C-alpha atoms as a PDB file:
ATOM      1  CA  MET A   1     -14.425 -10.339 -42.638  1.00  0.00           C
ATOM      2  CA  LYS A   2     -11.637  -7.772 -42.365  1.00  0.00           C
ATOM      3  CA  ARG A   3     -13.893  -5.436 -40.326  1.00  0.00           C
ATOM      4  CA  VAL A   4     -14.810  -8.249 -37.923  1.00  0.00           C
ATOM      5  CA  CYS A   5     -11.124  -9.105 -37.357  1.00  0.00           C
ATOM      6  CA  ILE A   6     -10.257  -5.451 -36.765  1.00  0.00           C
ATOM      7  CA  GLY A   7     -13.233  -5.114 -34.387  1.00  0.00           C
ATOM      8  CA  LEU A   8     -12.201  -8.208 -32.425  1.00  0.00           C
ATOM      9  CA  LEU A   9      -8.610  -7.032 -32.265  1.00  0.00           C
ATOM     10  CA  PHE A  10      -9.757  -3.612 -31.040  1.00  0.00           C
ATOM     11  CA  CYS A  11     -11.965  -5.232 -28.348  1.00  0.00           C
ATOM     12  CA  PHE A  12      -9.132  -7.528 -27.261  1.00  0.00           C
ATOM     13  CA  PHE A  13      -6.715  -4.589 -27.041  1.00  0.00           C
ATOM     14  CA  GLY A  14      -9.255  -2.544 -25.054  1.00  0.00           C
ATOM     15  CA  CYS A  15      -9.849  -5.411 -22.607  1.00  0.00           C
ATOM     16  CA  CYS A  16      -6.088  -5.848 -22.127  1.00  0.00           C
ATOM     17  CA  VAL A  17      -5.605  -2.139 -21.411  1.00  0.00           C
ATOM     18  CA  PHE A  18      -8.510  -2.158 -18.942  1.00  0.00           C
ATOM     19  CA  ALA A  19      -7.227  -5.300 -17.168  1.00  0.00           C
ATOM     20  CA  LEU A  20      -3.708  -3.900 -16.903  1.00  0.00           C
ATOM     21  CA  SER A  21      -4.975  -0.580 -15.581  1.00  0.00           C
ATOM     22  CA  MET A  22      -7.023  -2.413 -12.932  1.00  0.00           C
ATOM     23  CA  ILE A  23      -3.908  -4.278 -11.829  1.00  0.00           C
ATOM     24  CA  ARG A  24      -1.487  -1.353 -11.994  1.00  0.00           C
ATOM     25  CA  PHE A  25      -3.773   1.501 -10.899  1.00  0.00           C
ATOM     26  CA  PRO A  26      -6.680  -0.055  -8.961  1.00  0.00           C
ATOM     27  CA  HIS A  27      -7.195   3.143  -6.944  1.00  0.00           C
ATOM     28  CA  CYS A  28      -8.162   4.933 -10.195  1.00  0.00           C
ATOM     29  CA  VAL A  29     -10.827   2.454 -11.323  1.00  0.00           C
ATOM     30  CA  PRO A  30     -14.312   3.620 -10.278  1.00  0.00           C
ATOM     31  CA  LEU A  31     -16.315   1.235  -8.096  1.00  0.00           C
ATOM     32  CA  LEU A  32     -13.403  -1.229  -7.757  1.00  0.00           C
ATOM     33  CA  TRP A  33     -13.158  -0.098  -4.132  1.00  0.00           C
ATOM     34  CA  LYS A  34     -16.321  -2.127  -3.478  1.00  0.00           C
ATOM     35  CA  VAL A  35     -14.424  -5.362  -4.182  1.00  0.00           C
ATOM     36  CA  PRO A  36     -12.873  -6.717  -0.948  1.00  0.00           C
ATOM     37  CA  TYR A  37      -9.254  -7.803  -0.841  1.00  0.00           C
ATOM     38  CA  PHE A  38      -8.983 -11.451  -1.840  1.00  0.00           C
ATOM     39  CA  TRP A  39      -7.244 -14.167   0.152  1.00  0.00           C
ATOM     40  CA  VAL A  40      -4.479 -14.234  -2.479  1.00  0.00           C
ATOM     41  CA  GLU A  41      -3.544 -10.602  -1.724  1.00  0.00           C
ATOM     42  CA  THR A  42      -3.598 -11.104   2.044  1.00  0.00           C
ATOM     43  CA  LEU A  43      -2.534 -14.754   2.325  1.00  0.00           C
ATOM     44  CA  ASP A  44      -1.981 -15.855   5.954  1.00  0.00           C
ATOM     45  CA  SER A  45      -2.461 -12.344   7.342  1.00  0.00           C
ATOM     46  CA  GLN A  46      -4.287 -11.975  10.649  1.00  0.00           C
ATOM     47  CA  PRO A  47      -8.072 -11.482  10.373  1.00  0.00           C
ATOM     48  CA  LYS A  48      -7.909  -8.162  12.284  1.00  0.00           C
ATOM     49  CA  ALA A  49      -5.340  -6.828   9.781  1.00  0.00           C
ATOM     50  CA  ILE A  50      -7.441  -7.937   6.791  1.00  0.00           C
ATOM     51  CA  LYS A  51     -10.512  -6.310   8.341  1.00  0.00           C
ATOM     52  CA  ALA A  52      -8.564  -3.076   8.883  1.00  0.00           C
ATOM     53  CA  LEU A  53      -7.284  -3.174   5.290  1.00  0.00           C
ATOM     54  CA  ASN A  54     -10.848  -3.543   4.026  1.00  0.00           C
ATOM     55  CA  ASP A  55     -11.887  -0.670   6.317  1.00  0.00           C
ATOM     56  CA  ILE A  56      -9.329   1.519   4.498  1.00  0.00           C
ATOM     57  CA  ARG A  57     -10.765   0.374   1.160  1.00  0.00           C
ATOM     58  CA  ARG A  58     -14.312   1.299   2.183  1.00  0.00           C
ATOM     59  CA  GLU A  59     -13.402   4.566   3.924  1.00  0.00           C
ATOM     60  CA  CYS A  60     -11.109   5.874   1.158  1.00  0.00           C
ATOM     61  CA  LYS A  61     -13.285   4.417  -1.610  1.00  0.00           C
ATOM     62  CA  ALA A  62     -10.121   3.142  -3.291  1.00  0.00           C
ATOM     63  CA  HIS A  63      -8.686  -0.323  -3.888  1.00  0.00           C
ATOM     64  CA  TYR A  64      -4.920  -0.051  -3.451  1.00  0.00           C
ATOM     65  CA  LEU A  65      -2.476  -2.598  -4.833  1.00  0.00           C
ATOM     66  CA  ILE A  66      -0.944  -4.781  -2.100  1.00  0.00           C
ATOM     67  CA  LEU A  67       2.714  -5.574  -2.804  1.00  0.00           C
ATOM     68  CA  SER A  68       3.433  -7.602   0.303  1.00  0.00           C
ATOM     69  CA  ALA A  69       1.397  -9.029   3.152  1.00  0.00           C
ATOM     70  CA  HIS A  70       2.342 -11.977   5.401  1.00  0.00           C
ATOM     71  CA  ARG A  71       5.840 -13.363   4.837  1.00  0.00           C
ATOM     72  CA  SER A  72       7.532 -16.419   6.283  1.00  0.00           C
ATOM     73  CA  LYS A  73      10.771 -15.759   8.172  1.00  0.00           C
ATOM     74  CA  ARG A  74      12.701 -17.322   5.271  1.00  0.00           C
ATOM     75  CA  LYS A  75      11.030 -15.106   2.653  1.00  0.00           C
ATOM     76  CA  ASN A  76      11.500 -12.089   4.906  1.00  0.00           C
ATOM     77  CA  ASP A  77      15.256 -12.785   4.989  1.00  0.00           C
ATOM     78  CA  ILE A  78      15.341 -13.206   1.204  1.00  0.00           C
ATOM     79  CA  VAL A  79      13.615  -9.864   0.531  1.00  0.00           C
ATOM     80  CA  GLY A  80      15.793  -8.058   3.083  1.00  0.00           C
ATOM     81  CA  GLY A  81      13.104  -7.395   5.701  1.00  0.00           C
ATOM     82  CA  VAL A  82      14.046  -6.428   9.256  1.00  0.00           C
ATOM     83  CA  LYS A  83      14.503  -9.285  11.742  1.00  0.00           C
ATOM     84  CA  ASN A  84      11.268  -8.878  13.750  1.00  0.00           C
ATOM     85  CA  SER A  85       9.156  -7.670  10.831  1.00  0.00           C
ATOM     86  CA  MET A  86       5.439  -7.298  11.422  1.00  0.00           C
ATOM     87  CA  HIS A  87       5.002  -9.041   8.048  1.00  0.00           C
ATOM     88  CA  THR A  88       6.059 -12.308   9.730  1.00  0.00           C
ATOM     89  CA  LYS A  89       3.291 -11.807  12.296  1.00  0.00           C
ATOM     90  CA  GLY A  90       0.684 -11.183   9.597  1.00  0.00           C
ATOM     91  CA  ILE A  91      -0.201  -7.639  10.668  1.00  0.00           C
ATOM     92  CA  ALA A  92       1.639  -5.602   8.018  1.00  0.00           C
ATOM     93  CA  PHE A  93       1.144  -4.622   4.384  1.00  0.00           C
ATOM     94  CA  ASP A  94       3.173  -2.817   1.749  1.00  0.00           C
ATOM     95  CA  VAL A  95       0.740  -0.836  -0.393  1.00  0.00           C
ATOM     96  CA  ILE A  96       1.206   1.234  -3.546  1.00  0.00           C
ATOM     97  CA  VAL A  97      -0.189   4.685  -2.737  1.00  0.00           C
ATOM     98  CA  PRO A  98       0.326   7.651  -5.090  1.00  0.00           C
ATOM     99  CA  GLN A  99       1.536  10.891  -3.513  1.00  0.00           C
ATOM    100  CA  SER A 100      -1.781  12.542  -4.387  1.00  0.00           C
ATOM    101  CA  ASN A 101      -3.727  10.021  -2.244  1.00  0.00           C
ATOM    102  CA  ARG A 102      -1.440   9.853   0.791  1.00  0.00           C
ATOM    103  CA  GLU A 103      -3.259  12.311   3.069  1.00  0.00           C
ATOM    104  CA  GLU A 104      -6.544  10.477   2.699  1.00  0.00           C
ATOM    105  CA  PHE A 105      -4.825   7.080   2.898  1.00  0.00           C
ATOM    106  CA  TYR A 106      -3.070   8.018   6.143  1.00  0.00           C
ATOM    107  CA  SER A 107      -6.327   9.251   7.703  1.00  0.00           C
ATOM    108  CA  CYS A 108      -8.142   6.052   6.719  1.00  0.00           C
ATOM    109  CA  ALA A 109      -5.288   3.790   7.858  1.00  0.00           C
ATOM    110  CA  LYS A 110      -5.051   5.517  11.230  1.00  0.00           C
ATOM    111  CA  LYS A 111      -8.811   5.272  11.690  1.00  0.00           C
ATOM    112  CA  ALA A 112      -8.694   1.559  10.750  1.00  0.00           C
ATOM    113  CA  GLY A 113      -6.139   0.840  13.507  1.00  0.00           C
ATOM    114  CA  PHE A 114      -2.763   0.943  11.778  1.00  0.00           C
ATOM    115  CA  THR A 115      -0.118   2.520  13.999  1.00  0.00           C
ATOM    116  CA  ALA A 116       3.213   2.238  12.153  1.00  0.00           C
ATOM    117  CA  PHE A 117       4.065   3.857   8.828  1.00  0.00           C
ATOM    118  CA  GLY A 118       7.000   3.546   6.462  1.00  0.00           C
ATOM    119  CA  TRP A 119       6.974   6.113   3.651  1.00  0.00           C
ATOM    120  CA  GLY A 120       8.588   5.236   0.319  1.00  0.00           C
ATOM    121  CA  GLY A 121       8.547   6.704  -3.166  1.00  0.00           C
ATOM    122  CA  ARG A 122       5.679   4.558  -4.495  1.00  0.00           C
ATOM    123  CA  THR A 123       4.824   2.437  -1.492  1.00  0.00           C
ATOM    124  CA  VAL A 124       3.665   2.838   2.063  1.00  0.00           C
ATOM    125  CA  HIS A 125       4.273   0.210   4.741  1.00  0.00           C
ATOM    126  CA  ILE A 126       1.490  -0.003   7.323  1.00  0.00           C
ATOM    127  CA  ASP A 127       1.298  -2.278  10.335  1.00  0.00           C
ATOM    128  CA  MET A 128      -0.446  -2.747  13.658  1.00  0.00           C
ATOM    129  CA  GLY A 129       2.678  -2.897  15.829  1.00  0.00           C
ATOM    130  CA  LYS A 130       3.847  -0.215  18.238  1.00  0.00           C
ATOM    131  CA  ARG A 131       3.513   3.423  17.110  1.00  0.00           C
ATOM    132  CA  ARG A 132       6.528   4.355  15.008  1.00  0.00           C
ATOM    133  CA  TRP A 133       7.575   5.684  11.602  1.00  0.00           C
ATOM    134  CA  TRP A 134      10.440   5.610   9.126  1.00  0.00           C
ATOM    135  CA  THR A 135      11.142   6.381   5.488  1.00  0.00           C
ATOM    136  CA  TYR A 136      12.787   4.652   2.571  1.00  0.00           C
ATOM    137  CA  GLY A 137      15.600   6.312   0.651  1.00  0.00           C
ATOM    138  CA  ASP A 138      15.672   6.734  -3.100  1.00  0.00           C
ATOM    139  CA  ASP A 139      17.602   3.444  -3.170  1.00  0.00           C
ATOM    140  CA  LYS A 140      14.518   1.806  -1.533  1.00  0.00           C
ATOM    141  CA  LYS A 141      16.443   1.005   1.653  1.00  0.00           C
ATOM    142  CA  HIS A 142      14.955   1.466   5.120  1.00  0.00           C
ATOM    143  CA  ARG A 143      16.023   4.684   6.874  1.00  0.00           C
ATOM    144  CA  SER A 144      15.675   5.150  10.603  1.00  0.00           C
ATOM    145  CA  GLY A 145      17.190   7.473  13.199  1.00  0.00           C
ATOM    146  CA  ASP A 146      18.206  10.884  11.908  1.00  0.00           C
ATOM    147  CA  GLU A 147      18.540   9.554   8.332  1.00  0.00           C
ATOM    148  CA  ARG A 148      14.769   9.211   7.999  1.00  0.00           C
ATOM    149  CA  TYR A 149      14.245  12.988   8.113  1.00  0.00           C
ATOM    150  CA  ALA A 150      15.976  13.446   4.745  1.00  0.00           C
ATOM    151  CA  PHE A 151      13.146  11.535   3.059  1.00  0.00           C
ATOM    152  CA  LEU A 152      10.231  12.910   5.064  1.00  0.00           C
ATOM    153  CA  HIS A 153       8.939  14.678   1.944  1.00  0.00           C
ATOM    154  CA  LYS A 154       7.376  11.302   1.002  1.00  0.00           C
ATOM    155  CA  ALA A 155       4.971  11.502   3.951  1.00  0.00           C
ATOM    156  CA  PRO A 156       1.719  13.526   3.893  1.00  0.00           C
ATOM    157  CA  ARG A 157       1.195  16.697   5.880  1.00  0.00           C
ATOM    158  CA  ASN A 158      -1.448  15.235   8.241  1.00  0.00           C
ATOM    159  CA  PHE A 159       0.998  12.454   9.215  1.00  0.00           C
ATOM    160  CA  LYS A 160       3.714  15.016   9.942  1.00  0.00           C
ATOM    161  CA  LYS A 161       1.262  16.974  12.076  1.00  0.00           C
ATOM    162  CA  ASP A 162       0.205  13.883  14.085  1.00  0.00           C
ATOM    163  CA  PHE A 163       3.823  12.938  14.759  1.00  0.00           C
ATOM    164  CA  ALA A 164       4.818  16.577  15.489  1.00  0.00           C
ATOM    165  CA  LEU A 165       7.256  16.724  12.560  1.00  0.00           C
ATOM    166  CA  LEU A 166       6.152  20.002  10.964  1.00  0.00           C
ATOM    167  CA  ARG A 167       8.585  22.889  11.088  1.00  0.00           C
ATOM    168  CA  LYS A 168       7.159  26.080  12.413  1.00  0.00           C
END
């Protein structure tokens, strides 16, 4: 009986670790990229944005964790989003992307139709608005203008090349 209890406990622990790793690091779980993004992750986002997000998933063969998709104007104010955020229009996502995957992610996102990029420590903001870019400081606050260059190390090399930001 003791062996059965230990075996069940071990199985339960293993399942918990696997489930948590799928939630926290979905880009590392093999074959998870075949699972499309669910309506819960992309609630009220525009169909073209959801299609583009799934195009990234298929092209990169990785299922990235979506932190934020469509937001109401009220929720956008609460979380400190900019006034005319693309999140309120349903064409923006905040995605957890490790530094090691950013070059491939940028290529796939650009190919899928995303035109604006915000580079943070753990996250990348992508949207289908006008072509632009910015960074987030170590305090996780939006940086634009000349301030954004101080945090450009968070962006991949191919992005810097496309936006002519590489130093010669």
